[in-house]
Amino acid sequence: MITVEFDREWKNKLLNRFLNYVKIYSTSDPESDATPSTPQQWDIAKYIFEELKNLGLEEVSVDEKGYIYAYVPSNLEDNQEPVVGFISHYDTSPDFNGKNVNPQIWPDYDGQDLLLNQETGFTLSPSKFETLKDYIGKTLITTDGTSLLGADDKAGVAEIVTAAEYLLAHPEIKHGRIAIGFTPDEEIGRGAHHFDVKKFGADWAYTMDGGEVGELEFENFNAAGAIVKIHGLSVHPGYAYGKMVNAALLASEFVKMLPENETPSTTKGFEGFFHLTDFNADVSEAKLQYIIRDHDADTFEARKKLLEDTVRTFNKKYGENTAELEIKEQYRNMKQQFEGKMYIIDIAAQAMKDANIEPDIKAIRGGTDGAQLSYMGLPCPNIFAGGLNFHGPYEYVPLESMEKAVKVIVNIAKAVKKQ
């Protein structure tokens, strides 16, 4: 069996590629109706597009929505093997600052606190994040404490591109045609909305968008976004008796009407939640943004109904149309799309074992482009990309975890056979 060997040259290729990506501002915006939702995403899309062309991939394209497609050609004489795809997203989360990312490299991590920012004293500590101690002796890539890192999912992009380059450089590794796709706006639930499954041409694919090494996921949340608008009445506070309706106070009351023990910080495993992601309010108007999540389809529907019932109850108390609700579906649990197709999972699990990785098959407490793509006819489980503490200044990724992801991609590519 041909093994994937990563010498210093390939480690540096992977590291430098990732560092280049994270320095490009590419935050998405849930308030925008455009695709991509922000103009800055075009900067990284064009960068990746040119890079793929320069590497010599086939049929490299970027469409008017910012979706990138490319292909590693088959090197088999009789190319009758299925086409397997790998997908990642290049936008970063709007949950935290994604501008002016200044990545820091910490070789041979010693298990102690990392002072990320001398000026502010911002520290990444194993006393707060115990998993840091799992990476003693590894090379960590962190933020400087003022931004997120963007390993979600620029680590996945770097891994896929590096694996493609590796395959092109090692023709002795036999494989069928490999499809590659990169998307905008995954972080706001729209990454697959304009993905051209037919053009992509894969029989199935994998998103490289998970966390720790070994993660392999084909179950995820059912997901929806909700906006609650509350209308008040602003008058001079000195003459407000019996007249003023303070939307900010009403919004605070509304928040308390939902179950306080069903939030991200109070649930785990297969438990769902309501997550208040944004609260903007003054006397006249308030706007609350929620995401609704649950693995079970019936419970998910019950959560949406509870929110609708809460708005009705609220309006009965304060008057019709005091509160308005809008719910938008985002994605569904992809588990049922793998009935009779578990070989897709088996191939990935074996590819991990061949890289000396123990597969950790579990449900995602979140979602990826793969969830929507699976319902669009492209079965697409999720594989680890190696990062941790996503969407904030504590985010980091071990370089060695990214190397392992590259090896898994290559192992999958050479393992795909007719089913």
Protein backbone atom coordinates (compact mmCIF):
# COMPACT_ATOMS: atom_id res chain seq x y z
CA MET A 1 0.00 0.00 0.00
CA ILE A 2 1.36 3.44 -0.95
CA THR A 3 1.47 5.68 2.10
CA VAL A 4 1.23 9.46 2.20
CA GLU A 5 4.53 10.91 3.41
CA PHE A 6 4.68 14.51 4.53
CA ASP A 7 8.21 15.91 4.53
CA ARG A 8 9.16 19.45 5.54
CA GLU A 9 8.42 20.79 2.07
CA TRP A 10 4.82 19.59 2.15
CA LYS A 11 4.31 20.70 5.75
CA ASN A 12 5.44 24.19 4.75
CA LYS A 13 3.17 24.19 1.70
CA LEU A 14 0.18 23.38 3.90
CA LEU A 15 1.14 25.88 6.62
CA ASN A 16 1.84 28.77 4.26
CA ARG A 17 -1.30 28.11 2.25
CA PHE A 18 -3.41 28.22 5.40
CA LEU A 19 -1.71 31.38 6.68
CA ASN A 20 -2.33 33.11 3.35
CA TYR A 21 -6.01 32.20 3.46
CA VAL A 22 -6.73 33.34 7.02
CA LYS A 23 -5.19 36.75 6.38
CA ILE A 24 -7.81 37.44 3.69
CA TYR A 25 -10.91 39.06 5.21
CA SER A 26 -13.95 36.98 4.19
CA THR A 27 -16.68 37.32 6.84
CA SER A 28 -20.25 36.63 5.63
CA ASP A 29 -23.32 38.69 6.56
CA PRO A 30 -26.76 37.25 7.44
CA GLU A 31 -28.42 40.63 6.80
CA SER A 32 -27.39 40.70 3.15
CA ASP A 33 -29.47 39.15 0.37
CA ALA A 34 -26.54 39.08 -2.06
CA THR A 35 -24.48 36.00 -2.94
CA PRO A 36 -21.77 36.12 -1.78
CA SER A 37 -23.30 38.06 1.07
CA THR A 38 -20.24 40.32 1.39
CA PRO A 39 -17.92 41.81 -1.26
CA GLN A 40 -14.79 40.77 0.65
CA GLN A 41 -15.54 37.11 -0.04
CA TRP A 42 -14.65 37.79 -3.67
CA ASP A 43 -11.08 38.52 -2.59
CA ILE A 44 -10.45 35.00 -1.34
CA ALA A 45 -12.57 33.41 -4.09
CA LYS A 46 -10.40 35.02 -6.77
CA TYR A 47 -7.24 34.10 -4.87
CA ILE A 48 -8.22 30.42 -4.64
CA PHE A 49 -9.36 30.39 -8.28
CA GLU A 50 -5.96 31.63 -9.49
CA GLU A 51 -4.14 29.23 -7.18
CA LEU A 52 -6.04 26.21 -8.52
CA LYS A 53 -5.31 27.22 -12.10
CA ASN A 54 -1.61 27.67 -11.34
CA LEU A 55 -1.46 24.21 -9.75
CA GLY A 56 -2.69 22.68 -12.98
CA LEU A 57 -6.11 21.40 -11.97
CA GLU A 58 -8.67 20.84 -14.73
CA GLU A 59 -11.80 22.84 -15.56
CA VAL A 60 -11.19 25.44 -12.86
CA SER A 61 -14.06 27.91 -12.68
CA VAL A 62 -15.70 30.44 -10.40
CA ASP A 63 -19.29 31.39 -11.15
CA GLU A 64 -21.15 34.67 -10.66
CA LYS A 65 -22.17 33.62 -7.13
CA GLY A 66 -18.62 32.90 -5.99
CA TYR A 67 -18.77 29.08 -6.17
CA ILE A 68 -15.47 27.51 -7.19
CA TYR A 69 -15.18 24.19 -9.02
CA ALA A 70 -12.06 22.28 -10.07
CA TYR A 71 -10.99 18.71 -10.83
CA VAL A 72 -8.03 16.42 -10.34
CA PRO A 73 -8.07 14.22 -13.46
CA SER A 74 -8.16 10.46 -13.19
CA ASN A 75 -4.84 8.70 -13.75
CA LEU A 76 -6.41 5.29 -14.38
CA GLU A 77 -6.25 3.70 -17.82
CA ASP A 78 -9.87 2.58 -17.70
CA ASN A 79 -11.57 5.34 -15.75
CA GLN A 80 -14.80 3.70 -14.67
CA GLU A 81 -14.51 4.57 -10.98
CA PRO A 82 -17.04 6.81 -9.21
CA VAL A 83 -16.19 10.49 -8.96
CA VAL A 84 -15.64 11.53 -5.34
CA GLY A 85 -15.75 15.16 -4.25
CA PHE A 86 -14.34 17.30 -1.44
CA ILE A 87 -15.98 20.56 -0.37
CA SER A 88 -15.17 23.39 2.05
CA HIS A 89 -16.32 26.96 2.59
CA TYR A 90 -14.12 30.04 2.50
CA ASP A 91 -16.31 32.50 4.44
CA THR A 92 -15.80 33.06 8.16
CA SER A 93 -18.37 33.53 10.88
CA PRO A 94 -19.92 36.94 11.60
CA ASP A 95 -20.02 35.97 15.30
CA PHE A 96 -16.67 37.68 15.89
CA ASN A 97 -14.26 40.02 14.16
CA GLY A 98 -12.75 38.41 11.06
CA LYS A 99 -10.74 41.39 9.84
CA ASN A 100 -6.97 41.86 10.20
CA VAL A 101 -6.37 38.28 11.28
CA ASN A 102 -2.82 37.97 12.61
CA PRO A 103 -2.11 34.24 13.01
CA GLN A 104 0.60 33.15 15.43
CA ILE A 105 2.63 29.93 15.29
CA TRP A 106 3.66 28.06 18.44
CA PRO A 107 6.01 25.16 17.67
CA ASP A 108 6.37 22.32 20.17
CA TYR A 109 3.57 23.50 22.48
CA ASP A 110 4.53 22.86 26.12
CA GLY A 111 1.07 22.60 27.69
CA GLN A 112 1.23 25.98 29.43
CA ASP A 113 -0.74 29.20 28.99
CA LEU A 114 -0.20 31.01 25.69
CA LEU A 115 -0.08 34.79 25.97
CA LEU A 116 -1.61 35.72 22.63
CA ASN A 117 -1.52 39.48 23.08
CA GLN A 118 1.05 41.37 25.14
CA GLU A 119 -0.95 44.60 25.11
CA THR A 120 -4.26 43.18 26.31
CA GLY A 121 -2.99 40.17 28.23
CA PHE A 122 -5.31 37.90 26.25
CA THR A 123 -4.42 34.28 27.06
CA LEU A 124 -5.29 30.86 25.67
CA SER A 125 -5.13 28.55 28.66
CA PRO A 126 -5.61 24.79 29.25
CA SER A 127 -7.34 25.73 32.52
CA LYS A 128 -10.22 27.01 30.38
CA PHE A 129 -9.76 24.71 27.35
CA GLU A 130 -8.60 21.30 28.56
CA THR A 131 -8.18 19.91 25.04
CA LEU A 132 -5.06 22.04 24.64
CA LYS A 133 -3.15 19.42 26.63
CA ASP A 134 -3.97 16.87 23.94
CA TYR A 135 -1.64 18.80 21.66
CA ILE A 136 1.50 19.04 23.77
CA GLY A 137 4.48 18.82 21.43
CA LYS A 138 2.44 19.92 18.42
CA THR A 139 2.63 23.11 16.37
CA LEU A 140 -0.36 25.30 17.22
CA ILE A 141 -1.69 28.13 15.06
CA THR A 142 -3.66 30.70 17.08
CA THR A 143 -5.12 34.19 16.86
CA ASP A 144 -3.60 37.28 18.46
CA GLY A 145 -6.70 37.64 20.63
CA THR A 146 -8.32 40.38 18.52
CA SER A 147 -10.06 38.24 15.88
CA LEU A 148 -11.17 34.74 15.09
CA LEU A 149 -8.66 32.59 13.20
CA GLY A 150 -10.78 31.28 10.32
CA ALA A 151 -9.78 27.63 10.59
CA ASP A 152 -13.52 27.15 10.10
CA ASP A 153 -13.18 26.48 7.30
CA LYS A 154 -10.00 27.75 5.71
CA ALA A 155 -8.26 24.77 7.27
CA GLY A 156 -10.54 22.59 5.15
CA VAL A 157 -9.79 24.63 2.03
CA ALA A 158 -6.03 24.40 2.64
CA GLU A 159 -6.25 20.66 3.21
CA ILE A 160 -8.20 19.98 0.02
CA VAL A 161 -5.95 22.15 -2.14
CA THR A 162 -2.83 20.60 -0.64
CA ALA A 163 -4.19 17.08 -1.17
CA ALA A 164 -4.96 17.95 -4.79
CA GLU A 165 -1.45 19.27 -5.29
CA TYR A 166 -0.03 16.13 -3.65
CA LEU A 167 -2.00 13.84 -5.95
CA LEU A 168 -0.83 15.74 -9.02
CA ALA A 169 2.77 15.45 -7.81
CA HIS A 170 2.49 11.70 -7.09
CA PRO A 171 1.12 9.91 -10.17
CA GLU A 172 2.05 6.58 -8.59
CA ILE A 173 -1.04 7.05 -6.38
CA LYS A 174 -3.83 5.73 -8.60
CA HIS A 175 -7.24 7.36 -8.33
CA GLY A 176 -10.33 8.30 -10.28
CA ARG A 177 -11.52 11.82 -11.06
CA ILE A 178 -11.66 14.07 -7.99
CA ALA A 179 -14.13 16.97 -7.82
CA ILE A 180 -13.34 20.00 -5.66
CA GLY A 181 -15.81 22.68 -4.58
CA PHE A 182 -15.51 25.79 -2.42
CA THR A 183 -18.51 27.84 -1.31
CA PRO A 184 -19.36 31.23 0.16
CA ASP A 185 -21.83 31.94 2.97
CA GLU A 186 -21.82 28.58 4.77
CA GLU A 187 -21.59 30.35 8.12
CA ILE A 188 -24.98 31.99 7.53
CA GLY A 189 -26.66 28.77 6.39
CA ARG A 190 -26.56 29.44 2.64
CA GLY A 191 -23.41 27.68 1.51
CA ALA A 192 -25.19 25.12 -0.64
CA HIS A 193 -28.03 27.32 -1.91
CA HIS A 194 -26.48 27.92 -5.31
CA PHE A 195 -24.15 24.91 -5.49
CA ASP A 196 -24.38 23.29 -8.93
CA VAL A 197 -24.55 19.59 -8.08
CA LYS A 198 -24.88 18.59 -11.75
CA LYS A 199 -21.83 20.62 -12.78
CA PHE A 200 -19.84 19.28 -9.82
CA GLY A 201 -20.44 15.81 -11.19
CA ALA A 202 -19.54 13.75 -8.13
CA ASP A 203 -21.27 10.52 -7.10
CA TRP A 204 -20.80 11.58 -3.50
CA ALA A 205 -18.59 14.02 -1.58
CA TYR A 206 -17.19 14.90 1.82
CA THR A 207 -17.14 18.30 3.48
CA MET A 208 -13.86 18.92 5.30
CA ASP A 209 -15.48 21.06 7.96
CA GLY A 210 -15.35 19.19 11.27
CA GLY A 211 -13.34 19.76 14.42
CA GLU A 212 -10.93 17.41 16.13
CA VAL A 213 -9.01 14.63 14.44
CA GLY A 214 -11.14 11.54 13.80
CA GLU A 215 -14.52 13.23 13.54
CA LEU A 216 -16.77 11.63 10.93
CA GLU A 217 -20.37 12.79 10.88
CA PHE A 218 -23.46 11.94 8.88
CA GLU A 219 -26.06 13.19 11.35
CA ASN A 220 -26.66 16.85 12.09
CA PHE A 221 -29.19 19.28 13.48
CA ASN A 222 -32.38 20.28 11.75
CA ALA A 223 -31.97 24.04 11.59
CA ALA A 224 -33.97 27.23 11.21
CA GLY A 225 -33.39 30.92 11.78
CA ALA A 226 -35.97 33.16 13.43
CA ILE A 227 -36.36 36.91 13.73
CA VAL A 228 -38.69 38.44 16.32
CA LYS A 229 -39.49 42.14 15.87
CA ILE A 230 -41.16 44.00 18.73
CA HIS A 231 -42.77 47.41 18.22
CA GLY A 232 -42.87 50.00 20.99
CA LEU A 233 -44.07 53.57 21.37
CA SER A 234 -41.55 56.27 22.21
CA VAL A 235 -42.64 59.44 23.99
CA HIS A 236 -40.78 61.89 26.23
CA PRO A 237 -40.01 60.03 29.48
CA GLY A 238 -41.25 62.97 31.52
CA TYR A 239 -44.70 62.59 30.01
CA ALA A 240 -44.68 58.82 29.41
CA TYR A 241 -47.19 57.70 32.05
CA GLY A 242 -49.79 55.47 30.41
CA LYS A 243 -48.37 56.11 26.94
CA MET A 244 -44.84 54.78 26.50
CA VAL A 245 -44.35 51.19 25.32
CA ASN A 246 -40.66 50.37 25.79
CA ALA A 247 -39.71 47.81 23.14
CA ALA A 248 -36.39 47.06 24.84
CA LEU A 249 -38.14 46.06 28.07
CA LEU A 250 -40.71 44.00 26.17
CA ALA A 251 -37.90 42.22 24.31
CA SER A 252 -36.24 41.32 27.61
CA GLU A 253 -39.52 39.84 28.79
CA PHE A 254 -39.93 37.87 25.57
CA VAL A 255 -36.49 36.30 25.95
CA LYS A 256 -37.47 35.01 29.39
CA MET A 257 -40.61 33.35 28.01
CA LEU A 258 -38.55 30.69 26.21
CA PRO A 259 -37.13 27.73 28.18
CA GLU A 260 -34.04 28.94 30.01
CA ASN A 261 -32.51 25.44 30.15
CA GLU A 262 -32.70 24.90 26.38
CA THR A 263 -29.78 27.01 25.20
CA PRO A 264 -26.41 26.00 23.70
CA SER A 265 -24.68 26.31 27.08
CA THR A 266 -27.20 24.05 28.85
CA THR A 267 -27.61 21.25 26.28
CA LYS A 268 -25.38 18.53 24.82
CA GLY A 269 -25.46 15.37 22.70
CA PHE A 270 -28.74 15.08 20.83
CA GLU A 271 -30.46 17.84 22.85
CA GLY A 272 -31.69 20.81 20.83
CA PHE A 273 -31.91 24.47 21.75
CA PHE A 274 -33.03 28.03 21.09
CA HIS A 275 -30.02 30.31 20.65
CA LEU A 276 -30.39 34.08 20.89
CA THR A 277 -27.63 35.28 18.56
CA ASP A 278 -28.41 39.00 18.43
CA PHE A 279 -30.38 41.52 20.51
CA ASN A 280 -30.85 45.07 19.23
CA ALA A 281 -33.34 47.29 20.99
CA ASP A 282 -34.35 50.80 21.90
CA VAL A 283 -37.64 52.23 23.10
CA SER A 284 -39.27 52.19 19.68
CA GLU A 285 -38.10 48.90 18.19
CA ALA A 286 -36.43 45.66 19.16
CA LYS A 287 -35.08 42.89 16.99
CA LEU A 288 -34.18 39.46 18.32
CA GLN A 289 -32.41 36.89 16.16
CA TYR A 290 -32.57 33.22 17.09
CA ILE A 291 -31.34 29.99 15.64
CA ILE A 292 -33.43 26.87 16.34
CA ARG A 293 -31.72 23.47 16.40
CA ASP A 294 -32.76 19.86 17.04
CA HIS A 295 -31.68 16.45 15.74
CA ASP A 296 -35.17 14.97 15.96
CA ALA A 297 -37.55 16.15 13.23
CA ASP A 298 -40.67 16.09 15.42
CA THR A 299 -38.99 17.95 18.26
CA PHE A 300 -37.66 20.47 15.76
CA GLU A 301 -41.20 21.16 14.53
CA ALA A 302 -42.35 21.47 18.15
CA ARG A 303 -39.65 24.08 18.78
CA LYS A 304 -40.85 26.19 15.87
CA LYS A 305 -44.43 25.86 17.09
CA LEU A 306 -43.41 26.90 20.61
CA LEU A 307 -41.88 30.07 19.23
CA GLU A 308 -45.05 30.79 17.25
CA ASP A 309 -47.21 30.13 20.33
CA THR A 310 -45.01 32.40 22.43
CA VAL A 311 -45.50 35.25 19.97
CA ARG A 312 -49.28 34.71 20.04
CA THR A 313 -49.30 34.74 23.85
CA PHE A 314 -47.16 37.88 23.87
CA ASN A 315 -49.53 39.66 21.47
CA LYS A 316 -52.55 38.71 23.53
CA LYS A 317 -50.95 40.48 26.47
CA TYR A 318 -49.63 43.59 24.68
CA GLY A 319 -51.81 43.92 21.61
CA GLU A 320 -52.01 42.43 18.15
CA ASN A 321 -48.84 42.83 16.05
CA THR A 322 -46.75 44.06 18.98
CA ALA A 323 -44.46 41.17 18.08
CA GLU A 324 -43.85 39.79 14.59
CA LEU A 325 -42.15 36.49 13.81
CA GLU A 326 -40.34 35.25 10.73
CA ILE A 327 -38.92 31.71 10.58
CA LYS A 328 -36.70 30.48 7.75
CA GLU A 329 -35.64 26.87 7.25
CA GLN A 330 -31.87 26.44 6.91
CA TYR A 331 -31.09 22.72 6.62
CA ARG A 332 -32.26 19.26 7.67
CA ASN A 333 -30.69 16.23 9.32
CA MET A 334 -28.92 14.33 6.54
CA LYS A 335 -28.96 10.91 8.27
CA GLN A 336 -31.80 9.47 6.23
CA GLN A 337 -29.97 10.29 2.99
CA PHE A 338 -27.42 7.57 3.79
CA GLU A 339 -29.83 4.66 3.99
CA GLY A 340 -28.32 1.98 1.73
CA LYS A 341 -25.20 4.11 1.19
CA MET A 342 -23.18 3.42 4.31
CA TYR A 343 -20.21 2.44 2.14
CA ILE A 344 -19.59 6.20 1.86
CA ILE A 345 -19.01 6.30 5.61
CA ASP A 346 -17.06 3.04 5.58
CA ILE A 347 -14.60 4.35 2.98
CA ALA A 348 -13.88 7.45 5.08
CA ALA A 349 -13.52 5.42 8.27
CA GLN A 350 -11.03 3.06 6.62
CA ALA A 351 -9.11 6.00 5.16
CA MET A 352 -8.68 7.31 8.70
CA LYS A 353 -7.53 3.92 9.99
CA ASP A 354 -4.99 3.74 7.16
CA ALA A 355 -3.64 7.07 8.45
CA ASN A 356 -3.47 5.67 12.03
CA ILE A 357 -6.51 7.67 13.10
CA GLU A 358 -9.33 6.18 15.16
CA PRO A 359 -12.64 7.26 13.58
CA ASP A 360 -15.00 9.11 15.92
CA ILE A 361 -18.40 8.68 14.28
CA LYS A 362 -20.95 10.98 15.90
CA ALA A 363 -23.67 13.53 15.27
CA ILE A 364 -22.80 17.15 14.55
CA ARG A 365 -24.08 19.74 17.00
CA GLY A 366 -24.34 22.10 14.08
CA GLY A 367 -24.52 21.75 10.35
CA THR A 368 -22.44 21.94 7.21
CA ASP A 369 -23.02 22.48 3.53
CA GLY A 370 -23.16 18.68 3.39
CA ALA A 371 -26.55 18.59 5.07
CA GLN A 372 -28.19 20.61 2.30
CA LEU A 373 -26.17 18.95 -0.44
CA SER A 374 -27.30 15.52 0.73
CA TYR A 375 -30.91 16.61 0.14
CA MET A 376 -29.89 17.98 -3.27
CA GLY A 377 -28.83 14.51 -4.40
CA LEU A 378 -25.16 14.64 -3.37
CA PRO A 379 -24.59 12.47 -0.27
CA CYS A 380 -22.04 14.42 1.71
CA PRO A 381 -20.88 13.45 5.22
CA ASN A 382 -18.50 15.63 7.19
CA ILE A 383 -14.86 14.94 8.08
CA PHE A 384 -12.59 16.70 10.57
CA ALA A 385 -10.52 19.70 9.50
CA GLY A 386 -8.66 19.88 12.82
CA GLY A 387 -9.62 23.25 14.30
CA LEU A 388 -11.01 23.96 17.76
CA ASN A 389 -12.86 26.78 19.57
CA PHE A 390 -14.36 28.11 16.34
CA HIS A 391 -15.93 31.55 15.87
CA GLY A 392 -13.92 33.47 18.42
CA PRO A 393 -10.51 34.68 19.60
CA TYR A 394 -9.70 31.36 21.32
CA GLU A 395 -9.75 29.50 18.01
CA TYR A 396 -6.70 27.42 17.14
CA VAL A 397 -5.63 24.55 14.92
CA PRO A 398 -2.71 22.13 15.29
CA LEU A 399 -0.69 21.87 12.08
CA GLU A 400 -0.35 18.12 12.59
CA SER A 401 -4.14 17.75 12.60
CA MET A 402 -4.30 19.46 9.23
CA GLU A 403 -1.63 17.11 7.92
CA LYS A 404 -3.71 14.15 9.01
CA ALA A 405 -6.73 15.57 7.18
CA VAL A 406 -4.68 15.79 3.97
CA LYS A 407 -3.68 12.15 4.36
CA VAL A 408 -7.32 11.12 4.83
CA ILE A 409 -8.33 12.95 1.64
CA VAL A 410 -5.59 11.20 -0.35
CA ASN A 411 -6.50 7.84 1.20
CA ILE A 412 -10.14 8.29 0.23
CA ALA A 413 -9.17 9.28 -3.32
CA LYS A 414 -7.19 6.10 -3.89
CA ALA A 415 -9.73 3.86 -2.14
CA VAL A 416 -12.83 4.77 -4.14
CA LYS A 417 -14.02 1.82 -6.21
CA LYS A 418 -17.20 0.73 -7.94
CA GLN A 419 -19.88 -0.25 -5.44
